Amino acid sequence: MNLSQWGPARVRPTDRGPRVEWRCAAGRRFTEPFFEDTVRRLPAHVTSIDEAVAWAGVHGSLAPRGFVFH
């Protein structure tokens, strides 16, 4: 699966190892008061942690464009 417009939203432990929940935020601005409010509305896809690491190894990552402290 092409995850280029998807971002990891959370990692959960399972009996098969950690699973990464990805959310597609293509073109979506995070304007709701809380991160979780926006994330809940986005399409989801789940991969293993190994798949996430492999994807990052091939495609790299983006530098942060901002931080929110609260």
PDB file of N, CA and C in Angstrom:
ATOM      1  N   MET A   1       0.847  -1.185   0.000  1.00  0.00           N
ATOM      2  CA  MET A   1       0.000   0.000   0.000  1.00  0.00           C
ATOM      3  C   MET A   1       0.888   1.242   0.000  1.00  0.00           C
ATOM      4  N   ASN A   2       0.507   2.237  -0.754  1.00  0.00           N
ATOM      5  CA  ASN A   2       1.225   3.499  -0.790  1.00  0.00           C
ATOM      6  C   ASN A   2       0.773   4.358   0.387  1.00  0.00           C
ATOM      7  N   LEU A   3       1.668   4.601   1.316  1.00  0.00           N
ATOM      8  CA  LEU A   3       1.338   5.369   2.518  1.00  0.00           C
ATOM      9  C   LEU A   3       1.831   6.813   2.457  1.00  0.00           C
ATOM     10  N   SER A   4       2.108   7.318   1.253  1.00  0.00           N
ATOM     11  CA  SER A   4       2.721   8.632   1.132  1.00  0.00           C
ATOM     12  C   SER A   4       1.868   9.772   1.681  1.00  0.00           C
ATOM     13  N   GLN A   5       0.556   9.634   1.714  1.00  0.00           N
ATOM     14  CA  GLN A   5      -0.292  10.683   2.276  1.00  0.00           C
ATOM     15  C   GLN A   5      -0.912  10.262   3.605  1.00  0.00           C
ATOM     16  N   TRP A   6      -0.340   9.238   4.197  1.00  0.00           N
ATOM     17  CA  TRP A   6      -0.832   8.719   5.469  1.00  0.00           C
ATOM     18  C   TRP A   6       0.193   9.017   6.556  1.00  0.00           C
ATOM     19  N   GLY A   7      -0.273   9.202   7.770  1.00  0.00           N
ATOM     20  CA  GLY A   7       0.628   9.427   8.890  1.00  0.00           C
ATOM     21  C   GLY A   7       0.310   8.469  10.020  1.00  0.00           C
ATOM     22  N   PRO A   8       1.330   8.039  10.751  1.00  0.00           N
ATOM     23  CA  PRO A   8       1.067   7.154  11.885  1.00  0.00           C
ATOM     24  C   PRO A   8       0.364   7.921  13.001  1.00  0.00           C
ATOM     25  N   ALA A   9      -0.757   7.413  13.446  1.00  0.00           N
ATOM     26  CA  ALA A   9      -1.547   8.087  14.477  1.00  0.00           C
ATOM     27  C   ALA A   9      -1.333   7.475  15.858  1.00  0.00           C
ATOM     28  N   ARG A  10      -1.097   6.162  15.895  1.00  0.00           N
ATOM     29  CA  ARG A  10      -0.845   5.497  17.186  1.00  0.00           C
ATOM     30  C   ARG A  10      -0.241   4.133  16.949  1.00  0.00           C
ATOM     31  N   VAL A  11       0.399   3.638  17.968  1.00  0.00           N
ATOM     32  CA  VAL A  11       0.959   2.278  17.959  1.00  0.00           C
ATOM     33  C   VAL A  11       0.333   1.528  19.116  1.00  0.00           C
ATOM     34  N   ARG A  12      -0.183   0.349  18.830  1.00  0.00           N
ATOM     35  CA  ARG A  12      -0.843  -0.461  19.862  1.00  0.00           C
ATOM     36  C   ARG A  12      -0.177  -1.839  19.950  1.00  0.00           C
ATOM     37  N   PRO A  13       0.036  -2.311  21.173  1.00  0.00           N
ATOM     38  CA  PRO A  13       0.571  -3.670  21.319  1.00  0.00           C
ATOM     39  C   PRO A  13      -0.524  -4.694  21.022  1.00  0.00           C
ATOM     40  N   THR A  14      -0.142  -5.780  20.364  1.00  0.00           N
ATOM     41  CA  THR A  14      -1.067  -6.893  20.128  1.00  0.00           C
ATOM     42  C   THR A  14      -0.305  -8.193  20.373  1.00  0.00           C
ATOM     43  N   ASP A  15      -1.011  -9.296  20.342  1.00  0.00           N
ATOM     44  CA  ASP A  15      -0.349 -10.592  20.524  1.00  0.00           C
ATOM     45  C   ASP A  15       0.545 -10.943  19.335  1.00  0.00           C
ATOM     46  N   ARG A  16       0.373 -10.245  18.203  1.00  0.00           N
ATOM     47  CA  ARG A  16       1.222 -10.453  17.023  1.00  0.00           C
ATOM     48  C   ARG A  16       2.326  -9.399  16.917  1.00  0.00           C
ATOM     49  N   GLY A  17       2.501  -8.618  17.955  1.00  0.00           N
ATOM     50  CA  GLY A  17       3.499  -7.548  17.950  1.00  0.00           C
ATOM     51  C   GLY A  17       2.826  -6.195  17.767  1.00  0.00           C
ATOM     52  N   PRO A  18       3.595  -5.126  17.849  1.00  0.00           N
ATOM     53  CA  PRO A  18       3.013  -3.779  17.727  1.00  0.00           C
ATOM     54  C   PRO A  18       2.373  -3.559  16.363  1.00  0.00           C
ATOM     55  N   ARG A  19       1.234  -2.899  16.367  1.00  0.00           N
ATOM     56  CA  ARG A  19       0.518  -2.554  15.135  1.00  0.00           C
ATOM     57  C   ARG A  19       0.447  -1.035  15.049  1.00  0.00           C
ATOM     58  N   VAL A  20       0.707  -0.507  13.855  1.00  0.00           N
ATOM     59  CA  VAL A  20       0.681   0.932  13.628  1.00  0.00           C
ATOM     60  C   VAL A  20      -0.629   1.293  12.937  1.00  0.00           C
ATOM     61  N   GLU A  21      -1.349   2.239  13.511  1.00  0.00           N
ATOM     62  CA  GLU A  21      -2.580   2.741  12.903  1.00  0.00           C
ATOM     63  C   GLU A  21      -2.242   4.015  12.128  1.00  0.00           C
ATOM     64  N   TRP A  22      -2.455   3.956  10.832  1.00  0.00           N
ATOM     65  CA  TRP A  22      -2.183   5.082   9.937  1.00  0.00           C
ATOM     66  C   TRP A  22      -3.495   5.781   9.636  1.00  0.00           C
ATOM     67  N   ARG A  23      -3.433   7.100   9.477  1.00  0.00           N
ATOM     68  CA  ARG A  23      -4.619   7.870   9.086  1.00  0.00           C
ATOM     69  C   ARG A  23      -4.276   8.728   7.873  1.00  0.00           C
ATOM     70  N   CYS A  24      -5.178   8.784   6.915  1.00  0.00           N
ATOM     71  CA  CYS A  24      -4.977   9.564   5.700  1.00  0.00           C
ATOM     72  C   CYS A  24      -5.500  10.980   5.917  1.00  0.00           C
ATOM     73  N   ALA A  25      -4.578  11.929   5.929  1.00  0.00           N
ATOM     74  CA  ALA A  25      -4.937  13.326   6.154  1.00  0.00           C
ATOM     75  C   ALA A  25      -4.685  14.166   4.908  1.00  0.00           C
ATOM     76  N   ALA A  26      -4.710  13.550   3.749  1.00  0.00           N
ATOM     77  CA  ALA A  26      -4.427  14.241   2.486  1.00  0.00           C
ATOM     78  C   ALA A  26      -5.319  15.471   2.337  1.00  0.00           C
ATOM     79  N   GLY A  27      -4.705  16.643   2.350  1.00  0.00           N
ATOM     80  CA  GLY A  27      -5.438  17.885   2.175  1.00  0.00           C
ATOM     81  C   GLY A  27      -6.243  18.337   3.366  1.00  0.00           C
ATOM     82  N   ARG A  28      -6.212  17.599   4.439  1.00  0.00           N
ATOM     83  CA  ARG A  28      -7.020  17.922   5.623  1.00  0.00           C
ATOM     84  C   ARG A  28      -6.215  18.785   6.595  1.00  0.00           C
ATOM     85  N   ARG A  29      -6.793  19.878   7.062  1.00  0.00           N
ATOM     86  CA  ARG A  29      -6.158  20.700   8.087  1.00  0.00           C
ATOM     87  C   ARG A  29      -6.672  20.252   9.446  1.00  0.00           C
ATOM     88  N   PHE A  30      -5.794  20.221  10.408  1.00  0.00           N
ATOM     89  CA  PHE A  30      -6.154  19.822  11.764  1.00  0.00           C
ATOM     90  C   PHE A  30      -6.665  21.051  12.511  1.00  0.00           C
ATOM     91  N   THR A  31      -7.965  21.311  12.400  1.00  0.00           N
ATOM     92  CA  THR A  31      -8.548  22.523  12.974  1.00  0.00           C
ATOM     93  C   THR A  31      -9.406  22.255  14.207  1.00  0.00           C
ATOM     94  N   GLU A  32      -9.730  21.003  14.482  1.00  0.00           N
ATOM     95  CA  GLU A  32     -10.523  20.697  15.653  1.00  0.00           C
ATOM     96  C   GLU A  32      -9.694  20.996  16.907  1.00  0.00           C
ATOM     97  N   PRO A  33     -10.349  21.213  18.043  1.00  0.00           N
ATOM     98  CA  PRO A  33      -9.624  21.585  19.263  1.00  0.00           C
ATOM     99  C   PRO A  33      -8.589  20.547  19.716  1.00  0.00           C
ATOM    100  N   PHE A  34      -8.846  19.283  19.445  1.00  0.00           N
ATOM    101  CA  PHE A  34      -7.938  18.232  19.886  1.00  0.00           C
ATOM    102  C   PHE A  34      -7.548  17.347  18.706  1.00  0.00           C
ATOM    103  N   PHE A  35      -6.297  16.901  18.700  1.00  0.00           N
ATOM    104  CA  PHE A  35      -5.769  16.014  17.666  1.00  0.00           C
ATOM    105  C   PHE A  35      -6.702  14.831  17.441  1.00  0.00           C
ATOM    106  N   GLU A  36      -7.140  14.211  18.512  1.00  0.00           N
ATOM    107  CA  GLU A  36      -7.986  13.022  18.424  1.00  0.00           C
ATOM    108  C   GLU A  36      -9.299  13.310  17.703  1.00  0.00           C
ATOM    109  N   ASP A  37      -9.835  14.525  17.831  1.00  0.00           N
ATOM    110  CA  ASP A  37     -11.084  14.875  17.146  1.00  0.00           C
ATOM    111  C   ASP A  37     -10.925  14.818  15.635  1.00  0.00           C
ATOM    112  N   THR A  38      -9.798  15.295  15.133  1.00  0.00           N
ATOM    113  CA  THR A  38      -9.533  15.246  13.701  1.00  0.00           C
ATOM    114  C   THR A  38      -9.220  13.822  13.267  1.00  0.00           C
ATOM    115  N   VAL A  39      -8.341  13.156  13.996  1.00  0.00           N
ATOM    116  CA  VAL A  39      -7.904  11.805  13.640  1.00  0.00           C
ATOM    117  C   VAL A  39      -9.089  10.850  13.555  1.00  0.00           C
ATOM    118  N   ARG A  40     -10.019  10.982  14.444  1.00  0.00           N
ATOM    119  CA  ARG A  40     -11.186  10.088  14.474  1.00  0.00           C
ATOM    120  C   ARG A  40     -11.975  10.147  13.165  1.00  0.00           C
ATOM    121  N   ARG A  41     -11.920  11.248  12.447  1.00  0.00           N
ATOM    122  CA  ARG A  41     -12.694  11.429  11.220  1.00  0.00           C
ATOM    123  C   ARG A  41     -11.967  10.960   9.954  1.00  0.00           C
ATOM    124  N   LEU A  42     -10.707  10.587  10.081  1.00  0.00           N
ATOM    125  CA  LEU A  42      -9.894  10.237   8.922  1.00  0.00           C
ATOM    126  C   LEU A  42      -9.939   8.740   8.628  1.00  0.00           C
ATOM    127  N   PRO A  43      -9.799   8.346   7.360  1.00  0.00           N
ATOM    128  CA  PRO A  43      -9.724   6.926   7.008  1.00  0.00           C
ATOM    129  C   PRO A  43      -8.520   6.275   7.690  1.00  0.00           C
ATOM    130  N   ALA A  44      -8.658   5.003   8.061  1.00  0.00           N
ATOM    131  CA  ALA A  44      -7.599   4.301   8.790  1.00  0.00           C
ATOM    132  C   ALA A  44      -7.097   3.083   8.027  1.00  0.00           C
ATOM    133  N   HIS A  45      -5.833   2.736   8.304  1.00  0.00           N
ATOM    134  CA  HIS A  45      -5.203   1.535   7.777  1.00  0.00           C
ATOM    135  C   HIS A  45      -4.220   1.068   8.845  1.00  0.00           C
ATOM    136  N   VAL A  46      -4.118  -0.239   9.067  1.00  0.00           N
ATOM    137  CA  VAL A  46      -3.235  -0.773  10.107  1.00  0.00           C
ATOM    138  C   VAL A  46      -2.164  -1.652   9.477  1.00  0.00           C
ATOM    139  N   THR A  47      -0.911  -1.464   9.936  1.00  0.00           N
ATOM    140  CA  THR A  47       0.206  -2.295   9.483  1.00  0.00           C
ATOM    141  C   THR A  47       0.965  -2.803  10.703  1.00  0.00           C
ATOM    142  N   SER A  48       1.860  -3.735  10.468  1.00  0.00           N
ATOM    143  CA  SER A  48       2.765  -4.164  11.532  1.00  0.00           C
ATOM    144  C   SER A  48       3.843  -3.098  11.696  1.00  0.00           C
ATOM    145  N   ILE A  49       4.543  -3.126  12.803  1.00  0.00           N
ATOM    146  CA  ILE A  49       5.638  -2.193  13.022  1.00  0.00           C
ATOM    147  C   ILE A  49       6.755  -2.446  12.007  1.00  0.00           C
ATOM    148  N   ASP A  50       6.945  -3.703  11.626  1.00  0.00           N
ATOM    149  CA  ASP A  50       7.968  -4.034  10.625  1.00  0.00           C
ATOM    150  C   ASP A  50       7.659  -3.386   9.272  1.00  0.00           C
ATOM    151  N   GLU A  51       6.381  -3.386   8.893  1.00  0.00           N
ATOM    152  CA  GLU A  51       5.997  -2.735   7.634  1.00  0.00           C
ATOM    153  C   GLU A  51       6.242  -1.227   7.713  1.00  0.00           C
ATOM    154  N   ALA A  52       5.957  -0.638   8.849  1.00  0.00           N
ATOM    155  CA  ALA A  52       6.174   0.801   9.031  1.00  0.00           C
ATOM    156  C   ALA A  52       7.666   1.145   8.937  1.00  0.00           C
ATOM    157  N   VAL A  53       8.500   0.346   9.573  1.00  0.00           N
ATOM    158  CA  VAL A  53       9.947   0.572   9.535  1.00  0.00           C
ATOM    159  C   VAL A  53      10.469   0.397   8.109  1.00  0.00           C
ATOM    160  N   ALA A  54       9.991  -0.622   7.408  1.00  0.00           N
ATOM    161  CA  ALA A  54      10.418  -0.852   6.026  1.00  0.00           C
ATOM    162  C   ALA A  54      10.010   0.322   5.137  1.00  0.00           C
ATOM    163  N   TRP A  55       8.791   0.828   5.308  1.00  0.00           N
ATOM    164  CA  TRP A  55       8.324   1.969   4.518  1.00  0.00           C
ATOM    165  C   TRP A  55       9.217   3.186   4.770  1.00  0.00           C
ATOM    166  N   ALA A  56       9.506   3.461   6.023  1.00  0.00           N
ATOM    167  CA  ALA A  56      10.343   4.614   6.367  1.00  0.00           C
ATOM    168  C   ALA A  56      11.761   4.446   5.817  1.00  0.00           C
ATOM    169  N   GLY A  57      12.271   3.216   5.802  1.00  0.00           N
ATOM    170  CA  GLY A  57      13.612   2.972   5.280  1.00  0.00           C
ATOM    171  C   GLY A  57      13.734   3.250   3.796  1.00  0.00           C
ATOM    172  N   VAL A  58      12.668   3.024   3.069  1.00  0.00           N
ATOM    173  CA  VAL A  58      12.672   3.241   1.617  1.00  0.00           C
ATOM    174  C   VAL A  58      12.304   4.680   1.257  1.00  0.00           C
ATOM    175  N   HIS A  59      11.329   5.235   1.973  1.00  0.00           N
ATOM    176  CA  HIS A  59      10.773   6.529   1.594  1.00  0.00           C
ATOM    177  C   HIS A  59      11.224   7.693   2.463  1.00  0.00           C
ATOM    178  N   GLY A  60      11.885   7.410   3.568  1.00  0.00           N
ATOM    179  CA  GLY A  60      12.321   8.494   4.447  1.00  0.00           C
ATOM    180  C   GLY A  60      11.160   9.126   5.185  1.00  0.00           C
ATOM    181  N   SER A  61      11.379  10.312   5.695  1.00  0.00           N
ATOM    182  CA  SER A  61      10.339  10.998   6.457  1.00  0.00           C
ATOM    183  C   SER A  61      10.433  12.497   6.220  1.00  0.00           C
ATOM    184  N   LEU A  62       9.449  13.204   6.689  1.00  0.00           N
ATOM    185  CA  LEU A  62       9.415  14.657   6.562  1.00  0.00           C
ATOM    186  C   LEU A  62       9.924  15.296   7.844  1.00  0.00           C
ATOM    187  N   ALA A  63      10.555  16.425   7.695  1.00  0.00           N
ATOM    188  CA  ALA A  63      10.956  17.199   8.867  1.00  0.00           C
ATOM    189  C   ALA A  63       9.713  17.856   9.460  1.00  0.00           C
ATOM    190  N   PRO A  64       9.647  17.980  10.775  1.00  0.00           N
ATOM    191  CA  PRO A  64       8.494  18.647  11.395  1.00  0.00           C
ATOM    192  C   PRO A  64       8.372  20.087  10.898  1.00  0.00           C
ATOM    193  N   ARG A  65       7.151  20.529  10.689  1.00  0.00           N
ATOM    194  CA  ARG A  65       6.908  21.915  10.265  1.00  0.00           C
ATOM    195  C   ARG A  65       6.395  22.761  11.413  1.00  0.00           C
ATOM    196  N   GLY A  66       6.133  22.134  12.540  1.00  0.00           N
ATOM    197  CA  GLY A  66       5.655  22.887  13.699  1.00  0.00           C
ATOM    198  C   GLY A  66       5.389  21.954  14.860  1.00  0.00           C
ATOM    199  N   PHE A  67       5.301  22.516  16.023  1.00  0.00           N
ATOM    200  CA  PHE A  67       5.004  21.767  17.249  1.00  0.00           C
ATOM    201  C   PHE A  67       3.910  22.498  18.013  1.00  0.00           C
ATOM    202  N   VAL A  68       3.062  21.742  18.666  1.00  0.00           N
ATOM    203  CA  VAL A  68       2.017  22.316  19.502  1.00  0.00           C
ATOM    204  C   VAL A  68       2.258  21.829  20.923  1.00  0.00           C
ATOM    205  N   PHE A  69       2.394  22.761  21.827  1.00  0.00           N
ATOM    206  CA  PHE A  69       2.592  22.416  23.239  1.00  0.00           C
ATOM    207  C   PHE A  69       1.342  22.845  24.011  1.00  0.00           C
ATOM    208  N   HIS A  70       0.770  21.892  24.751  1.00  0.00           N
ATOM    209  CA  HIS A  70      -0.350  22.239  25.638  1.00  0.00           C
ATOM    210  C   HIS A  70      -0.573  21.169  26.636  1.00  0.00           C
TER     211      HIS A  70
END
